[in-house]
Amino acid sequence: MTEQETASIISEILRTLKYLHKYNLVHWDLKPENIIYDSKSKKIKLIDFGLSSYFNDKIKLNSKVGTPYYVAPEVLKGEYSKECDLWSVGVITYILMTGFPPFGGKNNNEIYRSILKCNVTYYAEEWEHC
């Protein structure tokens, strides 16, 4: 996707998250498969709230949930809050711009290790079209 297309999609996702977080709801499983385009309203919509939960700013969340490529390091460490959704938005942005996830591995454990080390897979040629 172009930078402009990506920015438009991400802006809508961030507005939606601002609304959800205002009402103490964390999505926990943001990924491209959970973002749809409603052609009737011409809006981006988030779906699949199966893992979502209410949170309290005074208490850290500790369930280890989410899809491996999109899970925040704090989730893997077991102490986080609504900001875990923002990490996922960053991963989605990277994927929309390059076509592949920033953290790789042959299995979930390798992906998790890569995330915890912030070992980003970066290939300059993938960014040339941006």
N, C-alpha and C. Protein backbone atom coordinates (compact mmCIF):
# COMPACT_ATOMS: atom_id res chain seq x y z
N MET A 1 0.84 -1.18 0.00
CA MET A 1 0.00 0.00 0.00
C MET A 1 0.88 1.24 0.00
N THR A 2 0.33 2.32 -0.45
CA THR A 2 1.08 3.57 -0.43
C THR A 2 1.08 4.13 0.99
N GLU A 3 1.97 5.07 1.21
CA GLU A 3 2.04 5.72 2.52
C GLU A 3 0.73 6.43 2.83
N GLN A 4 0.14 7.07 1.83
CA GLN A 4 -1.12 7.80 2.02
C GLN A 4 -2.27 6.84 2.36
N GLU A 5 -2.36 5.72 1.66
CA GLU A 5 -3.40 4.73 1.94
C GLU A 5 -3.23 4.16 3.35
N THR A 6 -1.99 3.84 3.69
CA THR A 6 -1.70 3.30 5.01
C THR A 6 -2.06 4.32 6.09
N ALA A 7 -1.67 5.57 5.89
CA ALA A 7 -1.97 6.62 6.87
C ALA A 7 -3.47 6.78 7.09
N SER A 8 -4.23 6.69 6.03
CA SER A 8 -5.69 6.81 6.13
C SER A 8 -6.28 5.68 6.97
N ILE A 9 -5.86 4.46 6.70
CA ILE A 9 -6.35 3.29 7.43
C ILE A 9 -5.93 3.36 8.90
N ILE A 10 -4.67 3.66 9.13
CA ILE A 10 -4.16 3.70 10.50
C ILE A 10 -4.82 4.82 11.29
N SER A 11 -5.09 5.95 10.67
CA SER A 11 -5.77 7.05 11.35
C SER A 11 -7.15 6.62 11.83
N GLU A 12 -7.88 5.90 10.99
CA GLU A 12 -9.20 5.41 11.40
C GLU A 12 -9.10 4.40 12.53
N ILE A 13 -8.11 3.52 12.47
CA ILE A 13 -7.92 2.53 13.53
C ILE A 13 -7.59 3.24 14.85
N LEU A 14 -6.74 4.25 14.79
CA LEU A 14 -6.36 4.97 16.01
C LEU A 14 -7.55 5.74 16.60
N ARG A 15 -8.39 6.31 15.75
CA ARG A 15 -9.60 6.97 16.26
C ARG A 15 -10.52 5.98 16.96
N THR A 16 -10.64 4.79 16.37
CA THR A 16 -11.48 3.75 16.96
C THR A 16 -10.90 3.31 18.30
N LEU A 17 -9.59 3.12 18.35
CA LEU A 17 -8.95 2.72 19.62
C LEU A 17 -9.10 3.79 20.68
N LYS A 18 -9.01 5.05 20.30
CA LYS A 18 -9.20 6.13 21.26
C LYS A 18 -10.58 6.02 21.89
N TYR A 19 -11.57 5.75 21.08
CA TYR A 19 -12.94 5.58 21.57
C TYR A 19 -13.05 4.37 22.50
N LEU A 20 -12.51 3.22 22.07
CA LEU A 20 -12.57 2.01 22.89
C LEU A 20 -11.86 2.20 24.22
N HIS A 21 -10.67 2.77 24.18
CA HIS A 21 -9.88 2.96 25.38
C HIS A 21 -10.53 3.96 26.32
N LYS A 22 -11.24 4.93 25.76
CA LYS A 22 -11.98 5.90 26.59
C LYS A 22 -12.99 5.18 27.48
N TYR A 23 -13.54 4.10 26.97
CA TYR A 23 -14.53 3.31 27.72
C TYR A 23 -13.90 2.06 28.35
N ASN A 24 -12.57 2.11 28.52
CA ASN A 24 -11.81 1.05 29.21
C ASN A 24 -11.93 -0.32 28.56
N LEU A 25 -11.94 -0.35 27.25
CA LEU A 25 -11.99 -1.61 26.52
C LEU A 25 -10.71 -1.77 25.70
N VAL A 26 -10.03 -2.88 25.88
CA VAL A 26 -8.83 -3.19 25.12
C VAL A 26 -9.18 -4.31 24.14
N HIS A 27 -8.75 -4.20 22.88
CA HIS A 27 -9.09 -5.19 21.86
C HIS A 27 -8.29 -6.47 22.03
N TRP A 28 -6.98 -6.35 22.21
CA TRP A 28 -6.05 -7.46 22.47
C TRP A 28 -5.68 -8.30 21.27
N ASP A 29 -6.38 -8.19 20.15
CA ASP A 29 -6.05 -9.05 19.01
C ASP A 29 -6.15 -8.28 17.70
N LEU A 30 -5.55 -7.10 17.69
CA LEU A 30 -5.55 -6.31 16.45
C LEU A 30 -4.59 -6.94 15.45
N LYS A 31 -5.10 -7.14 14.25
CA LYS A 31 -4.32 -7.70 13.13
C LYS A 31 -5.11 -7.40 11.87
N PRO A 32 -4.46 -7.46 10.71
CA PRO A 32 -5.18 -7.13 9.46
C PRO A 32 -6.47 -7.93 9.26
N GLU A 33 -6.48 -9.18 9.69
CA GLU A 33 -7.67 -10.01 9.52
C GLU A 33 -8.86 -9.50 10.33
N ASN A 34 -8.60 -8.64 11.32
CA ASN A 34 -9.67 -8.10 12.16
C ASN A 34 -10.01 -6.65 11.81
N ILE A 35 -9.63 -6.25 10.61
CA ILE A 35 -9.95 -4.92 10.10
C ILE A 35 -10.69 -5.12 8.78
N ILE A 36 -11.87 -4.54 8.68
CA ILE A 36 -12.64 -4.66 7.44
C ILE A 36 -13.00 -3.27 6.92
N TYR A 37 -13.28 -3.25 5.63
CA TYR A 37 -13.74 -2.02 4.99
C TYR A 37 -15.22 -2.18 4.69
N ASP A 38 -16.02 -1.29 5.25
CA ASP A 38 -17.46 -1.30 5.02
C ASP A 38 -17.74 -0.39 3.82
N SER A 39 -18.01 -1.00 2.68
CA SER A 39 -18.19 -0.21 1.45
C SER A 39 -19.43 0.68 1.53
N LYS A 40 -20.40 0.30 2.32
CA LYS A 40 -21.62 1.11 2.44
C LYS A 40 -21.33 2.43 3.18
N SER A 41 -20.67 2.34 4.31
CA SER A 41 -20.35 3.55 5.08
C SER A 41 -19.01 4.15 4.68
N LYS A 42 -18.23 3.38 3.91
CA LYS A 42 -16.88 3.79 3.48
C LYS A 42 -15.97 4.05 4.69
N LYS A 43 -16.10 3.18 5.67
CA LYS A 43 -15.31 3.28 6.89
C LYS A 43 -14.55 1.99 7.16
N ILE A 44 -13.45 2.12 7.86
CA ILE A 44 -12.70 0.97 8.37
C ILE A 44 -13.36 0.57 9.68
N LYS A 45 -13.54 -0.72 9.90
CA LYS A 45 -14.15 -1.20 11.14
C LYS A 45 -13.29 -2.31 11.74
N LEU A 46 -13.24 -2.32 13.06
CA LEU A 46 -12.56 -3.39 13.78
C LEU A 46 -13.58 -4.47 14.10
N ILE A 47 -13.17 -5.73 13.96
CA ILE A 47 -14.05 -6.86 14.26
C ILE A 47 -13.33 -7.82 15.21
N ASP A 48 -14.02 -8.86 15.60
CA ASP A 48 -13.51 -9.94 16.44
C ASP A 48 -13.04 -9.44 17.80
N PHE A 49 -14.00 -9.19 18.66
CA PHE A 49 -13.72 -8.74 20.01
C PHE A 49 -13.74 -9.91 20.99
N GLY A 50 -13.48 -11.11 20.48
CA GLY A 50 -13.51 -12.32 21.31
C GLY A 50 -12.49 -12.33 22.43
N LEU A 51 -11.35 -11.68 22.25
CA LEU A 51 -10.33 -11.62 23.29
C LEU A 51 -10.37 -10.31 24.07
N SER A 52 -11.21 -9.38 23.64
CA SER A 52 -11.23 -8.07 24.27
C SER A 52 -11.66 -8.16 25.73
N SER A 53 -11.30 -7.11 26.46
CA SER A 53 -11.59 -7.10 27.89
C SER A 53 -11.65 -5.66 28.39
N TYR A 54 -12.38 -5.47 29.47
CA TYR A 54 -12.36 -4.18 30.14
C TYR A 54 -11.12 -4.11 31.01
N PHE A 55 -10.60 -2.90 31.18
CA PHE A 55 -9.41 -2.72 32.00
C PHE A 55 -9.61 -1.55 32.95
N ASN A 56 -8.72 -1.47 33.90
CA ASN A 56 -8.70 -0.40 34.88
C ASN A 56 -7.29 0.16 34.86
N ASP A 57 -7.15 1.47 34.72
CA ASP A 57 -5.81 2.08 34.64
C ASP A 57 -4.94 1.80 35.86
N LYS A 58 -5.55 1.43 36.98
CA LYS A 58 -4.79 1.19 38.21
C LYS A 58 -4.28 -0.25 38.30
N ILE A 59 -4.83 -1.13 37.48
CA ILE A 59 -4.45 -2.54 37.53
C ILE A 59 -3.89 -2.95 36.18
N LYS A 60 -2.72 -3.56 36.18
CA LYS A 60 -2.12 -4.06 34.94
C LYS A 60 -2.78 -5.37 34.54
N LEU A 61 -2.96 -5.56 33.23
CA LEU A 61 -3.49 -6.82 32.70
C LEU A 61 -2.36 -7.84 32.69
N ASN A 62 -2.72 -9.15 32.75
CA ASN A 62 -1.65 -10.14 32.79
C ASN A 62 -1.92 -11.41 31.98
N SER A 63 -3.05 -11.49 31.27
CA SER A 63 -3.32 -12.67 30.43
C SER A 63 -2.44 -12.61 29.19
N LYS A 64 -1.84 -13.72 28.85
CA LYS A 64 -0.99 -13.77 27.65
C LYS A 64 -1.87 -14.19 26.48
N VAL A 65 -2.39 -13.18 25.76
CA VAL A 65 -3.30 -13.42 24.65
C VAL A 65 -2.85 -12.65 23.43
N GLY A 66 -3.39 -13.01 22.28
CA GLY A 66 -3.11 -12.30 21.04
C GLY A 66 -2.49 -13.22 20.01
N THR A 67 -2.37 -12.71 18.81
CA THR A 67 -1.79 -13.45 17.70
C THR A 67 -0.28 -13.17 17.68
N PRO A 68 0.55 -14.21 17.57
CA PRO A 68 2.00 -14.07 17.74
C PRO A 68 2.65 -12.87 17.05
N TYR A 69 2.43 -12.62 15.79
CA TYR A 69 3.13 -11.54 15.10
C TYR A 69 2.78 -10.15 15.66
N TYR A 70 1.63 -10.01 16.30
CA TYR A 70 1.11 -8.71 16.68
C TYR A 70 1.16 -8.44 18.18
N VAL A 71 1.59 -9.42 18.96
CA VAL A 71 1.55 -9.29 20.41
C VAL A 71 2.70 -8.40 20.91
N ALA A 72 2.39 -7.53 21.86
CA ALA A 72 3.39 -6.61 22.41
C ALA A 72 4.31 -7.31 23.39
N PRO A 73 5.55 -6.84 23.52
CA PRO A 73 6.47 -7.45 24.48
C PRO A 73 5.92 -7.45 25.90
N GLU A 74 5.19 -6.41 26.26
CA GLU A 74 4.61 -6.33 27.60
C GLU A 74 3.62 -7.45 27.86
N VAL A 75 2.89 -7.85 26.81
CA VAL A 75 1.94 -8.96 26.94
C VAL A 75 2.72 -10.24 27.23
N LEU A 76 3.81 -10.44 26.51
CA LEU A 76 4.63 -11.63 26.72
C LEU A 76 5.25 -11.65 28.11
N LYS A 77 5.53 -10.48 28.65
CA LYS A 77 6.10 -10.39 29.99
C LYS A 77 5.03 -10.52 31.07
N GLY A 78 3.76 -10.36 30.68
CA GLY A 78 2.66 -10.58 31.61
C GLY A 78 2.24 -9.39 32.45
N GLU A 79 2.59 -8.17 32.03
CA GLU A 79 2.13 -6.99 32.75
C GLU A 79 2.01 -5.82 31.77
N TYR A 80 0.78 -5.46 31.46
CA TYR A 80 0.56 -4.45 30.43
C TYR A 80 -0.79 -3.79 30.62
N SER A 81 -1.08 -2.82 29.77
CA SER A 81 -2.38 -2.15 29.78
C SER A 81 -2.82 -1.91 28.34
N LYS A 82 -3.70 -0.95 28.15
CA LYS A 82 -4.29 -0.70 26.84
C LYS A 82 -3.27 -0.42 25.74
N GLU A 83 -2.07 0.01 26.11
CA GLU A 83 -1.04 0.34 25.13
C GLU A 83 -0.63 -0.84 24.26
N CYS A 84 -0.96 -2.05 24.71
CA CYS A 84 -0.65 -3.22 23.88
C CYS A 84 -1.34 -3.13 22.53
N ASP A 85 -2.50 -2.48 22.47
CA ASP A 85 -3.18 -2.28 21.19
C ASP A 85 -2.36 -1.39 20.26
N LEU A 86 -1.68 -0.42 20.82
CA LEU A 86 -0.88 0.50 20.00
C LEU A 86 0.32 -0.19 19.39
N TRP A 87 0.92 -1.13 20.12
CA TRP A 87 2.01 -1.93 19.56
C TRP A 87 1.50 -2.65 18.31
N SER A 88 0.34 -3.27 18.43
CA SER A 88 -0.24 -4.01 17.30
C SER A 88 -0.47 -3.10 16.11
N VAL A 89 -0.89 -1.86 16.36
CA VAL A 89 -1.09 -0.89 15.27
C VAL A 89 0.23 -0.62 14.56
N GLY A 90 1.32 -0.53 15.32
CA GLY A 90 2.64 -0.34 14.70
C GLY A 90 3.02 -1.50 13.81
N VAL A 91 2.74 -2.71 14.27
CA VAL A 91 3.04 -3.91 13.47
C VAL A 91 2.18 -3.91 12.20
N ILE A 92 0.91 -3.56 12.34
CA ILE A 92 0.01 -3.50 11.18
C ILE A 92 0.52 -2.46 10.18
N THR A 93 0.96 -1.32 10.67
CA THR A 93 1.50 -0.27 9.80
C THR A 93 2.69 -0.80 9.01
N TYR A 94 3.59 -1.48 9.69
CA TYR A 94 4.77 -2.05 9.04
C TYR A 94 4.35 -3.03 7.94
N ILE A 95 3.38 -3.88 8.25
CA ILE A 95 2.93 -4.88 7.27
C ILE A 95 2.26 -4.21 6.07
N LEU A 96 1.44 -3.19 6.31
CA LEU A 96 0.79 -2.50 5.20
C LEU A 96 1.81 -1.83 4.29
N MET A 97 2.90 -1.35 4.88
CA MET A 97 3.92 -0.65 4.09
C MET A 97 4.87 -1.60 3.36
N THR A 98 5.13 -2.77 3.93
CA THR A 98 6.14 -3.65 3.34
C THR A 98 5.60 -4.96 2.79
N GLY A 99 4.49 -5.42 3.36
CA GLY A 99 3.94 -6.69 2.92
C GLY A 99 4.35 -7.88 3.77
N PHE A 100 5.16 -7.64 4.82
CA PHE A 100 5.56 -8.74 5.70
C PHE A 100 5.72 -8.21 7.13
N PRO A 101 5.64 -9.10 8.13
CA PRO A 101 5.74 -8.66 9.53
C PRO A 101 7.16 -8.28 9.93
N PRO A 102 7.29 -7.37 10.89
CA PRO A 102 8.62 -6.93 11.32
C PRO A 102 9.38 -7.96 12.16
N PHE A 103 8.66 -8.86 12.79
CA PHE A 103 9.29 -9.86 13.66
C PHE A 103 9.04 -11.24 13.09
N GLY A 104 10.11 -11.95 12.81
CA GLY A 104 9.97 -13.25 12.18
C GLY A 104 10.44 -14.38 13.06
N GLY A 105 10.21 -15.59 12.57
CA GLY A 105 10.65 -16.79 13.25
C GLY A 105 10.00 -18.00 12.61
N LYS A 106 10.60 -19.15 12.83
CA LYS A 106 10.08 -20.40 12.27
C LYS A 106 8.90 -20.94 13.04
N ASN A 107 8.74 -20.50 14.28
CA ASN A 107 7.62 -20.94 15.11
C ASN A 107 7.28 -19.81 16.09
N ASN A 108 6.22 -20.00 16.87
CA ASN A 108 5.77 -18.94 17.79
C ASN A 108 6.85 -18.55 18.79
N ASN A 109 7.58 -19.52 19.32
CA ASN A 109 8.62 -19.20 20.31
C ASN A 109 9.70 -18.32 19.71
N GLU A 110 10.09 -18.58 18.47
CA GLU A 110 11.08 -17.73 17.80
C GLU A 110 10.53 -16.33 17.56
N ILE A 111 9.27 -16.25 17.17
CA ILE A 111 8.63 -14.94 16.96
C ILE A 111 8.62 -14.17 18.28
N TYR A 112 8.23 -14.83 19.36
CA TYR A 112 8.19 -14.18 20.68
C TYR A 112 9.57 -13.69 21.10
N ARG A 113 10.60 -14.50 20.88
CA ARG A 113 11.97 -14.09 21.22
C ARG A 113 12.37 -12.85 20.40
N SER A 114 12.01 -12.86 19.14
CA SER A 114 12.31 -11.73 18.26
C SER A 114 11.62 -10.45 18.76
N ILE A 115 10.36 -10.59 19.18
CA ILE A 115 9.60 -9.44 19.71
C ILE A 115 10.25 -8.94 20.99
N LEU A 116 10.55 -9.84 21.90
CA LEU A 116 11.14 -9.44 23.19
C LEU A 116 12.49 -8.74 23.03
N LYS A 117 13.24 -9.14 22.01
CA LYS A 117 14.55 -8.52 21.73
C LYS A 117 14.40 -7.28 20.85
N CYS A 118 13.16 -7.04 20.36
CA CYS A 118 12.91 -5.97 19.38
C CYS A 118 13.82 -6.15 18.17
N ASN A 119 13.97 -7.38 17.75
CA ASN A 119 14.80 -7.74 16.61
C ASN A 119 13.97 -7.63 15.34
N VAL A 120 13.92 -6.44 14.78
CA VAL A 120 13.09 -6.16 13.61
C VAL A 120 13.76 -6.68 12.34
N THR A 121 13.00 -7.38 11.53
CA THR A 121 13.47 -7.80 10.22
C THR A 121 13.29 -6.60 9.29
N TYR A 122 14.39 -6.06 8.81
CA TYR A 122 14.35 -4.86 7.99
C TYR A 122 15.14 -5.08 6.71
N TYR A 123 14.44 -4.96 5.60
CA TYR A 123 15.08 -5.06 4.29
C TYR A 123 14.84 -3.74 3.56
N ALA A 124 15.90 -2.99 3.36
CA ALA A 124 15.79 -1.64 2.77
C ALA A 124 15.02 -1.65 1.45
N GLU A 125 15.21 -2.68 0.64
CA GLU A 125 14.53 -2.69 -0.66
C GLU A 125 13.01 -2.74 -0.54
N GLU A 126 12.51 -3.25 0.56
CA GLU A 126 11.07 -3.30 0.77
C GLU A 126 10.48 -1.91 1.01
N TRP A 127 11.32 -0.97 1.40
CA TRP A 127 10.85 0.39 1.69
C TRP A 127 11.05 1.34 0.53
N GLU A 128 11.69 0.88 -0.55
CA GLU A 128 11.97 1.76 -1.68
C GLU A 128 10.71 2.28 -2.36
N HIS A 129 9.64 1.51 -2.33
CA HIS A 129 8.40 1.93 -3.00
C HIS A 129 7.57 2.90 -2.15
N CYS A 130 7.93 3.08 -0.89
CA CYS A 130 7.14 3.91 0.03
C CYS A 130 7.40 5.39 -0.18
